[in-house]
Amino acid sequence: MSNYITTNIRLSEEDYFRLKEEAAKRRKSLSAVIREKVGTKKNGHSKADVEKFMQDIRKLARENAKYLKGVDGVKIIRNMRDNAKW
């Protein structure tokens, strides 16, 4: 378990009530919701956002695979890289 430091922050009234509502719906404390939002964000995306995005990408890849039989994607990308006119 992490050591916690108590701090004060200022939130807009709108953000405060939105977070309080989320906490109540999820049956968590306001502090727990804020810690999750601060602690799980990396590069602007939560872990759940990234996982959902990757699921969507995998689904699209499976759907597109039927149209790409016999196509060597790596070869195409290497060709694009090697023959680029920068």
N, C-alpha and C. Protein backbone atom coordinates (compact mmCIF):
# COMPACT_ATOMS: atom_id res chain seq x y z
N MET A 1 0.84 -1.19 0.00
CA MET A 1 0.00 0.00 0.00
C MET A 1 0.88 1.25 0.00
N SER A 2 0.45 2.24 -0.71
CA SER A 2 1.20 3.49 -0.83
C SER A 2 1.05 4.35 0.42
N ASN A 3 2.06 5.15 0.67
CA ASN A 3 1.96 6.18 1.70
C ASN A 3 1.22 7.35 1.09
N TYR A 4 0.32 7.94 1.83
CA TYR A 4 -0.47 9.05 1.32
C TYR A 4 -0.04 10.35 1.96
N ILE A 5 -0.13 11.42 1.21
CA ILE A 5 0.12 12.77 1.70
C ILE A 5 -1.18 13.54 1.55
N THR A 6 -1.57 14.22 2.59
CA THR A 6 -2.79 15.02 2.54
C THR A 6 -2.46 16.36 1.89
N THR A 7 -3.34 16.78 0.99
CA THR A 7 -3.14 18.05 0.30
C THR A 7 -4.49 18.69 0.03
N ASN A 8 -4.46 19.96 -0.30
CA ASN A 8 -5.68 20.67 -0.68
C ASN A 8 -5.58 21.01 -2.16
N ILE A 9 -6.68 20.90 -2.85
CA ILE A 9 -6.73 21.30 -4.25
C ILE A 9 -7.98 22.14 -4.46
N ARG A 10 -7.96 22.94 -5.49
CA ARG A 10 -9.13 23.74 -5.84
C ARG A 10 -9.72 23.17 -7.11
N LEU A 11 -11.01 22.91 -7.06
CA LEU A 11 -11.76 22.42 -8.22
C LEU A 11 -12.88 23.39 -8.52
N SER A 12 -13.26 23.44 -9.76
CA SER A 12 -14.45 24.24 -10.07
C SER A 12 -15.64 23.53 -9.43
N GLU A 13 -16.66 24.29 -9.15
CA GLU A 13 -17.87 23.71 -8.56
C GLU A 13 -18.42 22.59 -9.45
N GLU A 14 -18.39 22.83 -10.76
CA GLU A 14 -18.88 21.84 -11.72
C GLU A 14 -18.08 20.54 -11.64
N ASP A 15 -16.75 20.63 -11.61
CA ASP A 15 -15.91 19.44 -11.51
C ASP A 15 -16.14 18.72 -10.19
N TYR A 16 -16.23 19.50 -9.10
CA TYR A 16 -16.45 18.90 -7.79
C TYR A 16 -17.72 18.08 -7.76
N PHE A 17 -18.82 18.63 -8.23
CA PHE A 17 -20.09 17.90 -8.19
C PHE A 17 -20.10 16.73 -9.16
N ARG A 18 -19.41 16.87 -10.30
CA ARG A 18 -19.32 15.77 -11.24
C ARG A 18 -18.55 14.60 -10.61
N LEU A 19 -17.45 14.91 -9.94
CA LEU A 19 -16.66 13.87 -9.28
C LEU A 19 -17.41 13.26 -8.10
N LYS A 20 -18.11 14.08 -7.34
CA LYS A 20 -18.92 13.57 -6.22
C LYS A 20 -19.99 12.62 -6.73
N GLU A 21 -20.63 12.98 -7.84
CA GLU A 21 -21.66 12.12 -8.43
C GLU A 21 -21.06 10.79 -8.89
N GLU A 22 -19.91 10.86 -9.55
CA GLU A 22 -19.24 9.63 -9.99
C GLU A 22 -18.88 8.75 -8.80
N ALA A 23 -18.37 9.36 -7.75
CA ALA A 23 -17.99 8.62 -6.55
C ALA A 23 -19.22 7.93 -5.94
N ALA A 24 -20.33 8.65 -5.88
CA ALA A 24 -21.54 8.06 -5.31
C ALA A 24 -22.04 6.90 -6.16
N LYS A 25 -22.05 7.08 -7.48
CA LYS A 25 -22.50 6.01 -8.38
C LYS A 25 -21.63 4.77 -8.26
N ARG A 26 -20.32 4.99 -8.06
CA ARG A 26 -19.39 3.87 -7.99
C ARG A 26 -19.20 3.37 -6.56
N ARG A 27 -19.88 4.03 -5.61
CA ARG A 27 -19.77 3.69 -4.19
C ARG A 27 -18.33 3.72 -3.72
N LYS A 28 -17.67 4.81 -4.08
CA LYS A 28 -16.29 5.04 -3.67
C LYS A 28 -16.22 6.43 -3.07
N SER A 29 -15.14 6.68 -2.36
CA SER A 29 -14.95 8.02 -1.81
C SER A 29 -14.49 8.96 -2.92
N LEU A 30 -14.71 10.24 -2.69
CA LEU A 30 -14.23 11.25 -3.64
C LEU A 30 -12.72 11.13 -3.79
N SER A 31 -12.02 10.93 -2.68
CA SER A 31 -10.56 10.80 -2.72
C SER A 31 -10.13 9.63 -3.58
N ALA A 32 -10.83 8.49 -3.46
CA ALA A 32 -10.47 7.31 -4.25
C ALA A 32 -10.65 7.57 -5.75
N VAL A 33 -11.72 8.26 -6.10
CA VAL A 33 -11.97 8.57 -7.52
C VAL A 33 -10.88 9.50 -8.04
N ILE A 34 -10.53 10.51 -7.27
CA ILE A 34 -9.48 11.45 -7.70
C ILE A 34 -8.15 10.72 -7.81
N ARG A 35 -7.81 9.86 -6.83
CA ARG A 35 -6.55 9.10 -6.91
C ARG A 35 -6.50 8.24 -8.15
N GLU A 36 -7.62 7.59 -8.49
CA GLU A 36 -7.66 6.77 -9.70
C GLU A 36 -7.40 7.61 -10.94
N LYS A 37 -8.05 8.76 -11.01
CA LYS A 37 -7.91 9.61 -12.19
C LYS A 37 -6.49 10.17 -12.32
N VAL A 38 -5.87 10.49 -11.21
CA VAL A 38 -4.53 11.04 -11.24
C VAL A 38 -3.51 9.91 -11.45
N GLY A 39 -3.70 8.81 -10.78
CA GLY A 39 -2.71 7.73 -10.79
C GLY A 39 -2.71 6.86 -12.02
N THR A 40 -3.82 6.73 -12.72
CA THR A 40 -3.87 5.82 -13.86
C THR A 40 -3.63 6.52 -15.18
N LYS A 41 -3.48 7.80 -15.17
CA LYS A 41 -3.30 8.53 -16.43
C LYS A 41 -1.83 8.51 -16.84
N LYS A 42 -1.60 8.10 -18.06
CA LYS A 42 -0.27 8.16 -18.65
C LYS A 42 -0.47 8.67 -20.06
N ASN A 43 0.23 9.72 -20.41
CA ASN A 43 0.11 10.30 -21.75
C ASN A 43 -1.31 10.71 -22.06
N GLY A 44 -2.07 11.08 -21.05
CA GLY A 44 -3.43 11.56 -21.28
C GLY A 44 -4.48 10.48 -21.42
N HIS A 45 -4.10 9.20 -21.30
CA HIS A 45 -5.06 8.12 -21.47
C HIS A 45 -5.02 7.19 -20.27
N SER A 46 -6.18 6.78 -19.79
CA SER A 46 -6.21 5.84 -18.69
C SER A 46 -5.90 4.44 -19.20
N LYS A 47 -5.54 3.57 -18.30
CA LYS A 47 -5.25 2.18 -18.68
C LYS A 47 -6.47 1.55 -19.35
N ALA A 48 -7.67 1.85 -18.84
CA ALA A 48 -8.90 1.32 -19.44
C ALA A 48 -9.08 1.85 -20.86
N ASP A 49 -8.76 3.13 -21.08
CA ASP A 49 -8.86 3.71 -22.43
C ASP A 49 -7.94 2.98 -23.39
N VAL A 50 -6.72 2.73 -22.95
CA VAL A 50 -5.74 2.06 -23.81
C VAL A 50 -6.18 0.63 -24.10
N GLU A 51 -6.67 -0.07 -23.07
CA GLU A 51 -7.13 -1.45 -23.27
C GLU A 51 -8.29 -1.51 -24.25
N LYS A 52 -9.24 -0.58 -24.12
CA LYS A 52 -10.38 -0.53 -25.05
C LYS A 52 -9.90 -0.25 -26.47
N PHE A 53 -8.98 0.70 -26.61
CA PHE A 53 -8.43 1.05 -27.91
C PHE A 53 -7.76 -0.18 -28.54
N MET A 54 -6.97 -0.91 -27.76
CA MET A 54 -6.28 -2.09 -28.28
C MET A 54 -7.28 -3.19 -28.67
N GLN A 55 -8.34 -3.36 -27.91
CA GLN A 55 -9.39 -4.32 -28.29
C GLN A 55 -10.01 -3.94 -29.62
N ASP A 56 -10.29 -2.65 -29.79
CA ASP A 56 -10.87 -2.18 -31.05
C ASP A 56 -9.92 -2.41 -32.22
N ILE A 57 -8.62 -2.15 -32.00
CA ILE A 57 -7.62 -2.35 -33.05
C ILE A 57 -7.55 -3.83 -33.43
N ARG A 58 -7.53 -4.70 -32.43
CA ARG A 58 -7.47 -6.14 -32.72
C ARG A 58 -8.70 -6.60 -33.50
N LYS A 59 -9.86 -6.09 -33.13
CA LYS A 59 -11.10 -6.45 -33.83
C LYS A 59 -11.03 -6.00 -35.29
N LEU A 60 -10.59 -4.77 -35.52
CA LEU A 60 -10.46 -4.27 -36.89
C LEU A 60 -9.44 -5.08 -37.68
N ALA A 61 -8.35 -5.46 -37.03
CA ALA A 61 -7.32 -6.26 -37.71
C ALA A 61 -7.89 -7.60 -38.14
N ARG A 62 -8.68 -8.25 -37.26
CA ARG A 62 -9.30 -9.53 -37.62
C ARG A 62 -10.27 -9.36 -38.78
N GLU A 63 -11.06 -8.29 -38.74
CA GLU A 63 -12.02 -8.04 -39.82
C GLU A 63 -11.32 -7.76 -41.14
N ASN A 64 -10.22 -7.02 -41.10
CA ASN A 64 -9.50 -6.67 -42.32
C ASN A 64 -8.63 -7.80 -42.86
N ALA A 65 -8.29 -8.76 -42.00
CA ALA A 65 -7.40 -9.85 -42.41
C ALA A 65 -7.96 -10.61 -43.61
N LYS A 66 -9.28 -10.74 -43.69
CA LYS A 66 -9.86 -11.50 -44.81
C LYS A 66 -9.62 -10.82 -46.16
N TYR A 67 -9.38 -9.51 -46.14
CA TYR A 67 -9.12 -8.79 -47.38
C TYR A 67 -7.63 -8.74 -47.71
N LEU A 68 -6.80 -9.16 -46.78
CA LEU A 68 -5.36 -9.01 -46.95
C LEU A 68 -4.62 -10.33 -47.07
N LYS A 69 -5.31 -11.40 -47.43
CA LYS A 69 -4.66 -12.70 -47.58
C LYS A 69 -3.58 -12.60 -48.65
N GLY A 70 -2.39 -13.08 -48.31
CA GLY A 70 -1.28 -13.07 -49.25
C GLY A 70 -0.53 -11.75 -49.31
N VAL A 71 -0.94 -10.76 -48.53
CA VAL A 71 -0.26 -9.47 -48.53
C VAL A 71 0.75 -9.46 -47.39
N ASP A 72 1.98 -9.09 -47.70
CA ASP A 72 3.04 -9.00 -46.70
C ASP A 72 3.14 -7.55 -46.23
N GLY A 73 2.47 -7.25 -45.13
CA GLY A 73 2.43 -5.89 -44.61
C GLY A 73 3.79 -5.36 -44.22
N VAL A 74 4.62 -6.21 -43.66
CA VAL A 74 5.96 -5.78 -43.25
C VAL A 74 6.76 -5.37 -44.49
N LYS A 75 6.65 -6.15 -45.54
CA LYS A 75 7.37 -5.83 -46.78
C LYS A 75 6.89 -4.48 -47.34
N ILE A 76 5.60 -4.24 -47.30
CA ILE A 76 5.05 -2.98 -47.80
C ILE A 76 5.57 -1.80 -46.98
N ILE A 77 5.57 -1.94 -45.66
CA ILE A 77 6.04 -0.86 -44.79
C ILE A 77 7.52 -0.60 -45.00
N ARG A 78 8.31 -1.68 -45.12
CA ARG A 78 9.75 -1.49 -45.37
C ARG A 78 9.98 -0.80 -46.70
N ASN A 79 9.22 -1.18 -47.70
CA ASN A 79 9.34 -0.56 -49.01
C ASN A 79 8.99 0.94 -48.93
N MET A 80 7.94 1.25 -48.20
CA MET A 80 7.55 2.65 -48.04
C MET A 80 8.66 3.43 -47.34
N ARG A 81 9.20 2.83 -46.27
CA ARG A 81 10.27 3.48 -45.52
C ARG A 81 11.52 3.67 -46.37
N ASP A 82 11.93 2.62 -47.07
CA ASP A 82 13.18 2.65 -47.81
C ASP A 82 13.11 3.54 -49.06
N ASN A 83 11.92 3.70 -49.62
CA ASN A 83 11.78 4.46 -50.85
C ASN A 83 11.12 5.83 -50.66
N ALA A 84 11.05 6.25 -49.42
CA ALA A 84 10.40 7.54 -49.13
C ALA A 84 11.22 8.68 -49.70
N LYS A 85 10.54 9.66 -50.20
CA LYS A 85 11.18 10.88 -50.72
C LYS A 85 10.99 11.97 -49.67
N TRP A 86 11.93 12.06 -48.74
CA TRP A 86 11.81 13.03 -47.66
C TRP A 86 12.29 14.33 -48.17
